[in-house]
Amino acid sequence: MPWVLGMLLLASAGRVQIPTGEYQPFYKQPPPTDGGQAQPRPAEKVPAFELDVQAVTADGFLAFVRANPKWQRSKVARPSLTIRSPDGN
């Protein structure tokens, strides 16, 4: 468990290291067209990442956005979203 020492060091700096793991999606795959049962989705691998120890408050976020206007909602580019049906169309 060498990552525990790293977590303790990062926690003293306000962040903790979350180790690599897996996420099991709670939603199922679309049912097959032949009428079979919907199957669970396979687990997704999640790489290690850092997380702040303290949650960001609404006031803290507002202060950040005011200090960094480029992150205001109206100025952030949004990627286009394409929704496809299960048959790929």
N, C-alpha and C. Protein backbone atom coordinates (compact mmCIF):
# COMPACT_ATOMS: atom_id res chain seq x y z
N MET A 1 0.82 -1.19 0.00
CA MET A 1 0.00 0.00 0.00
C MET A 1 0.86 1.26 0.00
N PRO A 2 1.80 1.39 -0.95
CA PRO A 2 2.61 2.60 -0.98
C PRO A 2 1.80 3.85 -1.31
N TRP A 3 0.65 3.69 -1.95
CA TRP A 3 -0.17 4.86 -2.28
C TRP A 3 -0.73 5.53 -1.03
N VAL A 4 -0.80 4.82 0.11
CA VAL A 4 -1.32 5.42 1.34
C VAL A 4 -0.41 6.56 1.79
N LEU A 5 0.91 6.35 1.73
CA LEU A 5 1.86 7.41 2.09
C LEU A 5 1.68 8.61 1.18
N GLY A 6 1.52 8.36 -0.11
CA GLY A 6 1.28 9.45 -1.05
C GLY A 6 -0.01 10.19 -0.73
N MET A 7 -1.05 9.45 -0.32
CA MET A 7 -2.32 10.10 0.04
C MET A 7 -2.12 11.00 1.24
N LEU A 8 -1.33 10.54 2.22
CA LEU A 8 -1.10 11.36 3.41
C LEU A 8 -0.33 12.62 3.08
N LEU A 9 0.68 12.50 2.21
CA LEU A 9 1.45 13.68 1.82
C LEU A 9 0.60 14.67 1.04
N LEU A 10 -0.22 14.16 0.11
CA LEU A 10 -1.08 15.04 -0.66
C LEU A 10 -2.17 15.66 0.20
N ALA A 11 -2.68 14.90 1.17
CA ALA A 11 -3.74 15.42 2.03
C ALA A 11 -3.25 16.62 2.81
N SER A 12 -1.97 16.59 3.20
CA SER A 12 -1.44 17.74 3.92
C SER A 12 -1.37 18.96 3.01
N ALA A 13 -1.37 18.74 1.69
CA ALA A 13 -1.36 19.84 0.73
C ALA A 13 -2.77 20.17 0.26
N GLY A 14 -3.78 19.50 0.80
CA GLY A 14 -5.15 19.79 0.42
C GLY A 14 -5.72 18.89 -0.65
N ARG A 15 -4.97 17.86 -1.05
CA ARG A 15 -5.44 16.93 -2.09
C ARG A 15 -5.15 15.50 -1.66
N VAL A 16 -5.94 14.57 -2.16
CA VAL A 16 -5.67 13.15 -1.95
C VAL A 16 -5.61 12.46 -3.30
N GLN A 17 -4.81 11.43 -3.38
CA GLN A 17 -4.68 10.64 -4.61
C GLN A 17 -5.68 9.50 -4.54
N ILE A 18 -6.53 9.40 -5.54
CA ILE A 18 -7.47 8.30 -5.65
C ILE A 18 -6.82 7.28 -6.57
N PRO A 19 -6.62 6.03 -6.10
CA PRO A 19 -5.90 5.05 -6.92
C PRO A 19 -6.72 4.57 -8.12
N THR A 20 -6.03 4.00 -9.09
CA THR A 20 -6.68 3.41 -10.25
C THR A 20 -7.69 2.36 -9.79
N GLY A 21 -8.80 2.29 -10.48
CA GLY A 21 -9.81 1.32 -10.11
C GLY A 21 -10.78 1.09 -11.25
N GLU A 22 -11.95 0.57 -10.92
CA GLU A 22 -12.99 0.30 -11.90
C GLU A 22 -14.30 0.93 -11.45
N TYR A 23 -15.09 1.33 -12.43
CA TYR A 23 -16.43 1.86 -12.19
C TYR A 23 -17.42 0.94 -12.89
N GLN A 24 -18.41 0.46 -12.16
CA GLN A 24 -19.44 -0.39 -12.75
C GLN A 24 -20.66 0.48 -13.03
N PRO A 25 -20.93 0.81 -14.31
CA PRO A 25 -22.09 1.64 -14.62
C PRO A 25 -23.37 0.99 -14.09
N PHE A 26 -24.27 1.82 -13.59
CA PHE A 26 -25.51 1.29 -13.01
C PHE A 26 -26.58 1.09 -14.08
N TYR A 27 -26.41 1.66 -15.25
CA TYR A 27 -27.41 1.51 -16.31
C TYR A 27 -27.02 0.35 -17.22
N LYS A 28 -28.01 -0.27 -17.82
CA LYS A 28 -27.75 -1.43 -18.67
C LYS A 28 -27.64 -1.02 -20.12
N GLN A 29 -27.11 -1.94 -20.92
CA GLN A 29 -27.05 -1.73 -22.36
C GLN A 29 -28.47 -1.79 -22.90
N PRO A 30 -28.72 -1.17 -24.05
CA PRO A 30 -30.06 -1.28 -24.65
C PRO A 30 -30.38 -2.75 -24.92
N PRO A 31 -31.66 -3.13 -24.79
CA PRO A 31 -32.01 -4.53 -25.07
C PRO A 31 -31.71 -4.88 -26.52
N PRO A 32 -31.35 -6.13 -26.76
CA PRO A 32 -31.10 -6.55 -28.15
C PRO A 32 -32.40 -6.49 -28.96
N THR A 33 -32.27 -6.34 -30.26
CA THR A 33 -33.45 -6.22 -31.11
C THR A 33 -34.22 -7.53 -31.22
N ASP A 34 -33.61 -8.65 -30.82
CA ASP A 34 -34.31 -9.94 -30.90
C ASP A 34 -35.21 -10.19 -29.68
N GLY A 35 -35.35 -9.19 -28.81
CA GLY A 35 -36.25 -9.33 -27.66
C GLY A 35 -35.60 -9.88 -26.41
N GLY A 36 -34.30 -10.10 -26.41
CA GLY A 36 -33.61 -10.61 -25.23
C GLY A 36 -33.55 -9.58 -24.11
N GLN A 37 -32.97 -9.98 -23.00
CA GLN A 37 -32.84 -9.11 -21.84
C GLN A 37 -31.67 -8.13 -22.00
N ALA A 38 -31.84 -6.94 -21.46
CA ALA A 38 -30.74 -5.98 -21.43
C ALA A 38 -29.65 -6.51 -20.52
N GLN A 39 -28.41 -6.34 -20.91
CA GLN A 39 -27.27 -6.85 -20.15
C GLN A 39 -26.55 -5.71 -19.45
N PRO A 40 -25.90 -6.02 -18.31
CA PRO A 40 -25.10 -4.98 -17.65
C PRO A 40 -23.98 -4.50 -18.56
N ARG A 41 -23.61 -3.26 -18.40
CA ARG A 41 -22.47 -2.73 -19.16
C ARG A 41 -21.19 -3.23 -18.49
N PRO A 42 -20.13 -3.42 -19.26
CA PRO A 42 -18.87 -3.85 -18.66
C PRO A 42 -18.28 -2.75 -17.77
N ALA A 43 -17.50 -3.17 -16.81
CA ALA A 43 -16.84 -2.21 -15.92
C ALA A 43 -15.88 -1.33 -16.73
N GLU A 44 -15.79 -0.07 -16.33
CA GLU A 44 -14.90 0.89 -16.99
C GLU A 44 -13.66 1.09 -16.11
N LYS A 45 -12.48 1.07 -16.72
CA LYS A 45 -11.25 1.36 -15.96
C LYS A 45 -11.16 2.87 -15.76
N VAL A 46 -10.81 3.26 -14.54
CA VAL A 46 -10.66 4.67 -14.19
C VAL A 46 -9.22 4.89 -13.75
N PRO A 47 -8.49 5.80 -14.42
CA PRO A 47 -7.11 6.04 -14.01
C PRO A 47 -7.06 6.78 -12.68
N ALA A 48 -5.92 6.72 -12.03
CA ALA A 48 -5.73 7.43 -10.76
C ALA A 48 -5.89 8.93 -11.00
N PHE A 49 -6.37 9.64 -9.98
CA PHE A 49 -6.53 11.09 -10.08
C PHE A 49 -6.46 11.69 -8.70
N GLU A 50 -6.29 13.01 -8.65
CA GLU A 50 -6.25 13.73 -7.37
C GLU A 50 -7.59 14.41 -7.14
N LEU A 51 -7.95 14.52 -5.87
CA LEU A 51 -9.21 15.13 -5.48
C LEU A 51 -8.95 16.07 -4.32
N ASP A 52 -9.53 17.27 -4.38
CA ASP A 52 -9.39 18.20 -3.27
C ASP A 52 -10.01 17.62 -2.01
N VAL A 53 -9.40 17.86 -0.87
CA VAL A 53 -9.92 17.38 0.40
C VAL A 53 -11.20 18.13 0.76
N GLN A 54 -11.20 19.43 0.53
CA GLN A 54 -12.37 20.26 0.84
C GLN A 54 -13.20 20.47 -0.41
N ALA A 55 -14.52 20.39 -0.26
CA ALA A 55 -15.42 20.66 -1.38
C ALA A 55 -15.38 22.15 -1.73
N VAL A 56 -15.65 22.46 -2.98
CA VAL A 56 -15.74 23.85 -3.40
C VAL A 56 -17.12 24.36 -3.03
N THR A 57 -17.17 25.50 -2.36
CA THR A 57 -18.45 26.08 -1.99
C THR A 57 -18.96 26.94 -3.14
N ALA A 58 -20.24 27.27 -3.11
CA ALA A 58 -20.81 28.16 -4.12
C ALA A 58 -20.11 29.51 -4.09
N ASP A 59 -19.83 30.02 -2.91
CA ASP A 59 -19.13 31.31 -2.79
C ASP A 59 -17.72 31.22 -3.35
N GLY A 60 -17.03 30.12 -3.08
CA GLY A 60 -15.69 29.93 -3.61
C GLY A 60 -15.69 29.85 -5.13
N PHE A 61 -16.68 29.15 -5.68
CA PHE A 61 -16.78 29.04 -7.13
C PHE A 61 -17.08 30.40 -7.76
N LEU A 62 -17.99 31.15 -7.15
CA LEU A 62 -18.32 32.48 -7.65
C LEU A 62 -17.08 33.39 -7.63
N ALA A 63 -16.31 33.33 -6.56
CA ALA A 63 -15.09 34.13 -6.48
C ALA A 63 -14.11 33.73 -7.59
N PHE A 64 -14.00 32.42 -7.87
CA PHE A 64 -13.12 31.94 -8.94
C PHE A 64 -13.56 32.48 -10.29
N VAL A 65 -14.87 32.37 -10.58
CA VAL A 65 -15.37 32.81 -11.88
C VAL A 65 -15.21 34.32 -12.04
N ARG A 66 -15.42 35.06 -10.98
CA ARG A 66 -15.23 36.53 -11.06
C ARG A 66 -13.76 36.87 -11.30
N ALA A 67 -12.86 36.11 -10.71
CA ALA A 67 -11.43 36.36 -10.88
C ALA A 67 -10.90 35.82 -12.22
N ASN A 68 -11.65 34.90 -12.84
CA ASN A 68 -11.26 34.27 -14.11
C ASN A 68 -12.43 34.33 -15.08
N PRO A 69 -12.71 35.48 -15.65
CA PRO A 69 -13.90 35.63 -16.51
C PRO A 69 -13.95 34.68 -17.69
N LYS A 70 -12.80 34.17 -18.13
CA LYS A 70 -12.83 33.24 -19.28
C LYS A 70 -13.61 31.97 -18.97
N TRP A 71 -13.86 31.68 -17.67
CA TRP A 71 -14.60 30.49 -17.29
C TRP A 71 -16.09 30.77 -17.04
N GLN A 72 -16.54 31.98 -17.34
CA GLN A 72 -17.97 32.26 -17.22
C GLN A 72 -18.73 31.41 -18.23
N ARG A 73 -19.91 30.99 -17.86
CA ARG A 73 -20.71 30.08 -18.70
C ARG A 73 -20.85 30.59 -20.13
N SER A 74 -21.07 31.88 -20.29
CA SER A 74 -21.30 32.42 -21.62
C SER A 74 -20.04 32.44 -22.48
N LYS A 75 -18.87 32.22 -21.87
CA LYS A 75 -17.61 32.30 -22.62
C LYS A 75 -16.94 30.95 -22.84
N VAL A 76 -17.50 29.88 -22.31
CA VAL A 76 -16.90 28.56 -22.45
C VAL A 76 -17.52 27.86 -23.66
N ALA A 77 -16.67 27.42 -24.60
CA ALA A 77 -17.16 26.72 -25.78
C ALA A 77 -17.69 25.35 -25.38
N ARG A 78 -18.82 25.01 -25.92
CA ARG A 78 -19.42 23.70 -25.64
C ARG A 78 -19.27 22.81 -26.87
N PRO A 79 -18.82 21.58 -26.67
CA PRO A 79 -18.71 20.68 -27.82
C PRO A 79 -20.10 20.29 -28.30
N SER A 80 -20.22 20.02 -29.59
CA SER A 80 -21.50 19.56 -30.10
C SER A 80 -21.71 18.12 -29.66
N LEU A 81 -22.95 17.76 -29.47
CA LEU A 81 -23.30 16.43 -28.98
C LEU A 81 -24.10 15.72 -30.07
N THR A 82 -23.64 14.56 -30.45
CA THR A 82 -24.36 13.76 -31.44
C THR A 82 -24.93 12.54 -30.73
N ILE A 83 -26.23 12.39 -30.83
CA ILE A 83 -26.90 11.25 -30.21
C ILE A 83 -27.23 10.26 -31.29
N ARG A 84 -26.81 9.03 -31.09
CA ARG A 84 -27.05 7.98 -32.09
C ARG A 84 -28.00 6.93 -31.51
N SER A 85 -28.78 6.35 -32.39
CA SER A 85 -29.66 5.27 -31.98
C SER A 85 -28.84 4.00 -31.82
N PRO A 86 -29.39 2.95 -31.18
CA PRO A 86 -28.62 1.72 -30.99
C PRO A 86 -28.13 1.08 -32.29
N ASP A 87 -28.82 1.36 -33.41
CA ASP A 87 -28.36 0.76 -34.68
C ASP A 87 -27.26 1.58 -35.35
N GLY A 88 -26.81 2.65 -34.70
CA GLY A 88 -25.70 3.45 -35.19
C GLY A 88 -26.08 4.64 -36.04
N ASN A 89 -27.36 4.86 -36.26
CA ASN A 89 -27.82 6.00 -37.09
C ASN A 89 -28.21 7.17 -36.23
